[in-house]
Amino acid sequence: MHELSLARALLTQLAAEAERHAFARVLRVKLAIGALGHVDPDALAFAFEVASKGTLAAGAALDIERVAGAAHCLGCGADVAVHGRGDFCPKCGGGHLVVTGGEDMKIRELEVA
């Protein structure tokens, strides 16, 4: 389950931010996760809850926003939303799409004390 690794990396990043900005607790984390990022939001939420025990983020709420995938069609030149890899262009039906977004995970907001 790579979501546990992601949760641990997130906690490492939160600890670094706490040191940089002098806060002691994380109360809420709002994440944006791309639909093409191969991350299961439910598994990540569970992993975060387990991995955060005993850390500055213990008991913190984790809000996950799903971000649509985006691609550029080499056939018609359109920039389109996609739901998965291998999708066809919704404009022209072509299959030559280059992913341009929706693969990453970003911290959007932190509520700290």
N, C-alpha and C. Protein backbone atom coordinates (compact mmCIF):
# COMPACT_ATOMS: atom_id res chain seq x y z
N MET A 1 0.87 -1.18 0.00
CA MET A 1 0.00 0.00 0.00
C MET A 1 0.91 1.23 0.00
N HIS A 2 1.04 1.87 -1.13
CA HIS A 2 1.92 3.03 -1.21
C HIS A 2 1.32 4.26 -0.55
N GLU A 3 0.05 4.22 -0.21
CA GLU A 3 -0.56 5.33 0.50
C GLU A 3 0.07 5.54 1.87
N LEU A 4 0.54 4.47 2.50
CA LEU A 4 1.23 4.62 3.78
C LEU A 4 2.54 5.40 3.59
N SER A 5 3.25 5.12 2.53
CA SER A 5 4.47 5.89 2.22
C SER A 5 4.14 7.35 1.96
N LEU A 6 3.04 7.59 1.26
CA LEU A 6 2.62 8.97 0.99
C LEU A 6 2.24 9.68 2.28
N ALA A 7 1.54 8.98 3.17
CA ALA A 7 1.15 9.57 4.45
C ALA A 7 2.39 9.91 5.28
N ARG A 8 3.36 9.03 5.29
CA ARG A 8 4.60 9.30 6.03
C ARG A 8 5.36 10.48 5.44
N ALA A 9 5.40 10.56 4.11
CA ALA A 9 6.06 11.70 3.45
C ALA A 9 5.33 13.00 3.77
N LEU A 10 4.01 12.94 3.81
CA LEU A 10 3.21 14.11 4.17
C LEU A 10 3.53 14.55 5.59
N LEU A 11 3.62 13.62 6.51
CA LEU A 11 3.95 13.94 7.90
C LEU A 11 5.36 14.53 8.02
N THR A 12 6.29 14.05 7.24
CA THR A 12 7.64 14.62 7.23
C THR A 12 7.59 16.06 6.76
N GLN A 13 6.81 16.31 5.72
CA GLN A 13 6.66 17.67 5.21
C GLN A 13 5.98 18.57 6.23
N LEU A 14 4.99 18.07 6.92
CA LEU A 14 4.31 18.86 7.95
C LEU A 14 5.27 19.20 9.09
N ALA A 15 6.11 18.25 9.48
CA ALA A 15 7.09 18.51 10.54
C ALA A 15 8.08 19.58 10.11
N ALA A 16 8.50 19.55 8.87
CA ALA A 16 9.42 20.57 8.36
C ALA A 16 8.76 21.94 8.35
N GLU A 17 7.49 21.99 7.96
CA GLU A 17 6.76 23.26 7.96
C GLU A 17 6.56 23.78 9.38
N ALA A 18 6.33 22.86 10.32
CA ALA A 18 6.17 23.26 11.72
C ALA A 18 7.45 23.90 12.25
N GLU A 19 8.57 23.33 11.87
CA GLU A 19 9.85 23.89 12.30
C GLU A 19 10.09 25.25 11.65
N ARG A 20 9.77 25.34 10.37
CA ARG A 20 10.00 26.58 9.62
C ARG A 20 9.09 27.72 10.09
N HIS A 21 7.84 27.39 10.43
CA HIS A 21 6.86 28.43 10.77
C HIS A 21 6.44 28.43 12.24
N ALA A 22 7.11 27.65 13.05
CA ALA A 22 6.92 27.65 14.50
C ALA A 22 5.48 27.39 14.95
N PHE A 23 4.92 26.29 14.49
CA PHE A 23 3.64 25.86 15.05
C PHE A 23 3.83 24.48 15.68
N ALA A 24 2.94 24.17 16.63
CA ALA A 24 3.11 22.95 17.42
C ALA A 24 2.16 21.82 17.03
N ARG A 25 1.02 22.19 16.45
CA ARG A 25 0.01 21.17 16.10
C ARG A 25 -0.60 21.46 14.76
N VAL A 26 -0.95 20.39 14.08
CA VAL A 26 -1.71 20.48 12.84
C VAL A 26 -3.13 20.02 13.16
N LEU A 27 -4.09 20.89 12.88
CA LEU A 27 -5.48 20.56 13.17
C LEU A 27 -6.23 20.05 11.95
N ARG A 28 -5.86 20.57 10.77
CA ARG A 28 -6.54 20.18 9.53
C ARG A 28 -5.55 20.31 8.37
N VAL A 29 -5.62 19.34 7.47
CA VAL A 29 -4.84 19.37 6.24
C VAL A 29 -5.80 19.23 5.08
N LYS A 30 -5.72 20.15 4.13
CA LYS A 30 -6.51 20.03 2.91
C LYS A 30 -5.58 19.69 1.77
N LEU A 31 -5.81 18.52 1.17
CA LEU A 31 -4.99 18.05 0.06
C LEU A 31 -5.77 18.08 -1.23
N ALA A 32 -5.08 18.33 -2.32
CA ALA A 32 -5.62 18.18 -3.67
C ALA A 32 -4.88 17.00 -4.29
N ILE A 33 -5.63 16.01 -4.74
CA ILE A 33 -5.04 14.81 -5.33
C ILE A 33 -5.59 14.64 -6.73
N GLY A 34 -4.69 14.55 -7.69
CA GLY A 34 -5.08 14.38 -9.08
C GLY A 34 -5.70 13.02 -9.34
N ALA A 35 -6.70 13.01 -10.19
CA ALA A 35 -7.41 11.78 -10.52
C ALA A 35 -6.51 10.77 -11.23
N LEU A 36 -5.41 11.24 -11.82
CA LEU A 36 -4.50 10.36 -12.52
C LEU A 36 -3.28 10.00 -11.68
N GLY A 37 -3.32 10.34 -10.40
CA GLY A 37 -2.17 10.15 -9.52
C GLY A 37 -2.04 8.79 -8.89
N HIS A 38 -2.94 7.87 -9.17
CA HIS A 38 -2.88 6.51 -8.63
C HIS A 38 -2.89 6.50 -7.11
N VAL A 39 -3.70 7.37 -6.50
CA VAL A 39 -3.82 7.43 -5.05
C VAL A 39 -5.27 7.16 -4.68
N ASP A 40 -5.48 6.21 -3.80
CA ASP A 40 -6.83 5.92 -3.29
C ASP A 40 -7.07 6.83 -2.08
N PRO A 41 -7.99 7.80 -2.21
CA PRO A 41 -8.22 8.75 -1.11
C PRO A 41 -8.60 8.09 0.20
N ASP A 42 -9.41 7.04 0.16
CA ASP A 42 -9.81 6.35 1.39
C ASP A 42 -8.62 5.67 2.05
N ALA A 43 -7.79 5.03 1.24
CA ALA A 43 -6.60 4.36 1.78
C ALA A 43 -5.63 5.40 2.35
N LEU A 44 -5.49 6.54 1.68
CA LEU A 44 -4.60 7.59 2.18
C LEU A 44 -5.12 8.14 3.50
N ALA A 45 -6.43 8.35 3.61
CA ALA A 45 -7.01 8.87 4.85
C ALA A 45 -6.76 7.89 6.00
N PHE A 46 -6.93 6.60 5.73
CA PHE A 46 -6.68 5.59 6.76
C PHE A 46 -5.21 5.58 7.15
N ALA A 47 -4.32 5.60 6.16
CA ALA A 47 -2.88 5.57 6.41
C ALA A 47 -2.45 6.81 7.20
N PHE A 48 -3.02 7.97 6.87
CA PHE A 48 -2.68 9.20 7.57
C PHE A 48 -3.11 9.10 9.04
N GLU A 49 -4.29 8.57 9.28
CA GLU A 49 -4.78 8.42 10.65
C GLU A 49 -3.85 7.52 11.46
N VAL A 50 -3.44 6.43 10.88
CA VAL A 50 -2.56 5.47 11.57
C VAL A 50 -1.16 6.07 11.77
N ALA A 51 -0.59 6.62 10.69
CA ALA A 51 0.80 7.11 10.74
C ALA A 51 0.95 8.37 11.59
N SER A 52 -0.13 9.13 11.76
CA SER A 52 -0.02 10.40 12.48
C SER A 52 -0.09 10.25 14.00
N LYS A 53 -0.41 9.06 14.49
CA LYS A 53 -0.47 8.85 15.94
C LYS A 53 0.90 9.19 16.55
N GLY A 54 0.87 10.01 17.59
CA GLY A 54 2.09 10.40 18.27
C GLY A 54 2.89 11.49 17.57
N THR A 55 2.31 12.10 16.54
CA THR A 55 3.00 13.19 15.83
C THR A 55 2.25 14.50 16.04
N LEU A 56 2.77 15.58 15.49
CA LEU A 56 2.10 16.87 15.61
C LEU A 56 0.77 16.91 14.87
N ALA A 57 0.50 15.90 14.05
CA ALA A 57 -0.75 15.85 13.30
C ALA A 57 -1.73 14.81 13.84
N ALA A 58 -1.45 14.27 15.02
CA ALA A 58 -2.34 13.28 15.61
C ALA A 58 -3.73 13.87 15.78
N GLY A 59 -4.73 13.18 15.27
CA GLY A 59 -6.11 13.63 15.37
C GLY A 59 -6.50 14.70 14.36
N ALA A 60 -5.59 15.10 13.49
CA ALA A 60 -5.89 16.15 12.51
C ALA A 60 -6.89 15.63 11.48
N ALA A 61 -7.76 16.53 11.04
CA ALA A 61 -8.69 16.20 9.97
C ALA A 61 -7.95 16.25 8.65
N LEU A 62 -8.26 15.32 7.77
CA LEU A 62 -7.67 15.29 6.44
C LEU A 62 -8.79 15.44 5.42
N ASP A 63 -8.80 16.58 4.75
CA ASP A 63 -9.80 16.85 3.70
C ASP A 63 -9.14 16.63 2.36
N ILE A 64 -9.73 15.78 1.54
CA ILE A 64 -9.14 15.45 0.25
C ILE A 64 -10.06 15.93 -0.87
N GLU A 65 -9.49 16.75 -1.73
CA GLU A 65 -10.19 17.26 -2.92
C GLU A 65 -9.62 16.52 -4.13
N ARG A 66 -10.49 15.93 -4.93
CA ARG A 66 -10.05 15.26 -6.16
C ARG A 66 -9.97 16.29 -7.28
N VAL A 67 -8.86 16.29 -7.99
CA VAL A 67 -8.63 17.20 -9.11
C VAL A 67 -8.70 16.39 -10.39
N ALA A 68 -9.47 16.86 -11.35
CA ALA A 68 -9.64 16.14 -12.62
C ALA A 68 -8.31 16.04 -13.35
N GLY A 69 -8.19 14.99 -14.13
CA GLY A 69 -7.03 14.87 -15.00
C GLY A 69 -7.19 15.81 -16.19
N ALA A 70 -6.08 16.20 -16.75
CA ALA A 70 -6.09 17.10 -17.91
C ALA A 70 -5.11 16.57 -18.94
N ALA A 71 -5.45 16.78 -20.21
CA ALA A 71 -4.59 16.31 -21.29
C ALA A 71 -4.71 17.24 -22.49
N HIS A 72 -3.71 17.14 -23.35
CA HIS A 72 -3.70 17.88 -24.61
C HIS A 72 -3.81 16.84 -25.72
N CYS A 73 -4.75 17.06 -26.63
CA CYS A 73 -4.95 16.14 -27.74
C CYS A 73 -4.03 16.54 -28.89
N LEU A 74 -3.19 15.60 -29.30
CA LEU A 74 -2.30 15.87 -30.42
C LEU A 74 -3.05 15.84 -31.75
N GLY A 75 -4.24 15.23 -31.76
CA GLY A 75 -5.03 15.15 -32.99
C GLY A 75 -5.72 16.46 -33.34
N CYS A 76 -6.44 17.03 -32.36
CA CYS A 76 -7.22 18.25 -32.65
C CYS A 76 -6.69 19.49 -31.95
N GLY A 77 -5.70 19.32 -31.06
CA GLY A 77 -5.11 20.45 -30.38
C GLY A 77 -5.88 20.96 -29.18
N ALA A 78 -6.93 20.25 -28.78
CA ALA A 78 -7.76 20.69 -27.65
C ALA A 78 -7.13 20.30 -26.32
N ASP A 79 -7.33 21.14 -25.32
CA ASP A 79 -6.98 20.80 -23.94
C ASP A 79 -8.27 20.30 -23.29
N VAL A 80 -8.25 19.08 -22.77
CA VAL A 80 -9.47 18.42 -22.32
C VAL A 80 -9.30 17.82 -20.93
N ALA A 81 -10.42 17.60 -20.27
CA ALA A 81 -10.45 16.87 -19.00
C ALA A 81 -10.53 15.38 -19.31
N VAL A 82 -9.79 14.58 -18.54
CA VAL A 82 -9.83 13.12 -18.70
C VAL A 82 -10.02 12.48 -17.34
N HIS A 83 -10.61 11.30 -17.36
CA HIS A 83 -10.88 10.59 -16.11
C HIS A 83 -9.85 9.50 -15.83
N GLY A 84 -9.17 9.07 -16.87
CA GLY A 84 -8.16 8.04 -16.69
C GLY A 84 -7.21 7.99 -17.86
N ARG A 85 -6.11 7.32 -17.62
CA ARG A 85 -5.15 7.14 -18.71
C ARG A 85 -5.79 6.23 -19.75
N GLY A 86 -5.52 6.49 -20.99
CA GLY A 86 -6.12 5.68 -22.05
C GLY A 86 -7.45 6.21 -22.53
N ASP A 87 -7.95 7.29 -21.91
CA ASP A 87 -9.19 7.91 -22.39
C ASP A 87 -8.97 8.45 -23.79
N PHE A 88 -10.06 8.56 -24.52
CA PHE A 88 -10.04 9.18 -25.83
C PHE A 88 -10.44 10.64 -25.70
N CYS A 89 -10.04 11.43 -26.67
CA CYS A 89 -10.37 12.85 -26.66
C CYS A 89 -11.88 13.04 -26.75
N PRO A 90 -12.48 13.76 -25.80
CA PRO A 90 -13.92 13.99 -25.86
C PRO A 90 -14.33 14.93 -26.99
N LYS A 91 -13.38 15.63 -27.58
CA LYS A 91 -13.69 16.56 -28.68
C LYS A 91 -13.69 15.85 -30.03
N CYS A 92 -12.61 15.09 -30.31
CA CYS A 92 -12.48 14.49 -31.65
C CYS A 92 -12.49 12.96 -31.64
N GLY A 93 -12.43 12.36 -30.46
CA GLY A 93 -12.41 10.90 -30.37
C GLY A 93 -11.04 10.29 -30.57
N GLY A 94 -10.03 11.12 -30.77
CA GLY A 94 -8.67 10.62 -30.99
C GLY A 94 -8.06 10.02 -29.75
N GLY A 95 -7.06 9.18 -29.96
CA GLY A 95 -6.43 8.50 -28.85
C GLY A 95 -5.02 8.97 -28.54
N HIS A 96 -4.65 10.11 -29.09
CA HIS A 96 -3.29 10.60 -28.86
C HIS A 96 -3.32 11.78 -27.89
N LEU A 97 -3.45 11.45 -26.61
CA LEU A 97 -3.51 12.47 -25.56
C LEU A 97 -2.22 12.48 -24.76
N VAL A 98 -1.77 13.67 -24.44
CA VAL A 98 -0.60 13.85 -23.58
C VAL A 98 -1.10 14.45 -22.27
N VAL A 99 -0.85 13.74 -21.18
CA VAL A 99 -1.31 14.20 -19.86
C VAL A 99 -0.59 15.50 -19.49
N THR A 100 -1.38 16.49 -19.07
CA THR A 100 -0.82 17.79 -18.68
C THR A 100 -1.13 18.16 -17.23
N GLY A 101 -1.96 17.38 -16.55
CA GLY A 101 -2.29 17.69 -15.17
C GLY A 101 -3.10 16.59 -14.52
N GLY A 102 -3.21 16.69 -13.20
CA GLY A 102 -4.02 15.72 -12.45
C GLY A 102 -3.24 14.51 -11.99
N GLU A 103 -1.90 14.61 -11.94
CA GLU A 103 -1.08 13.49 -11.50
C GLU A 103 -0.48 13.71 -10.12
N ASP A 104 -0.60 14.89 -9.57
CA ASP A 104 0.14 15.23 -8.36
C ASP A 104 -0.74 15.30 -7.12
N MET A 105 -0.06 15.44 -5.98
CA MET A 105 -0.73 15.63 -4.70
C MET A 105 -0.12 16.88 -4.07
N LYS A 106 -0.95 17.82 -3.69
CA LYS A 106 -0.48 19.09 -3.14
C LYS A 106 -1.22 19.43 -1.86
N ILE A 107 -0.50 20.03 -0.93
CA ILE A 107 -1.15 20.59 0.25
C ILE A 107 -1.75 21.91 -0.17
N ARG A 108 -3.04 22.05 -0.02
CA ARG A 108 -3.72 23.32 -0.38
C ARG A 108 -3.83 24.26 0.81
N GLU A 109 -4.14 23.71 1.99
CA GLU A 109 -4.33 24.53 3.19
C GLU A 109 -3.92 23.73 4.42
N LEU A 110 -3.45 24.46 5.41
CA LEU A 110 -3.18 23.88 6.72
C LEU A 110 -3.86 24.73 7.78
N GLU A 111 -4.47 24.09 8.75
CA GLU A 111 -4.96 24.77 9.94
C GLU A 111 -4.07 24.28 11.08
N VAL A 112 -3.40 25.21 11.74
CA VAL A 112 -2.41 24.86 12.74
C VAL A 112 -2.62 25.63 14.04
N ALA A 113 -1.97 25.18 15.08
CA ALA A 113 -2.03 25.85 16.38
C ALA A 113 -0.64 25.93 16.97
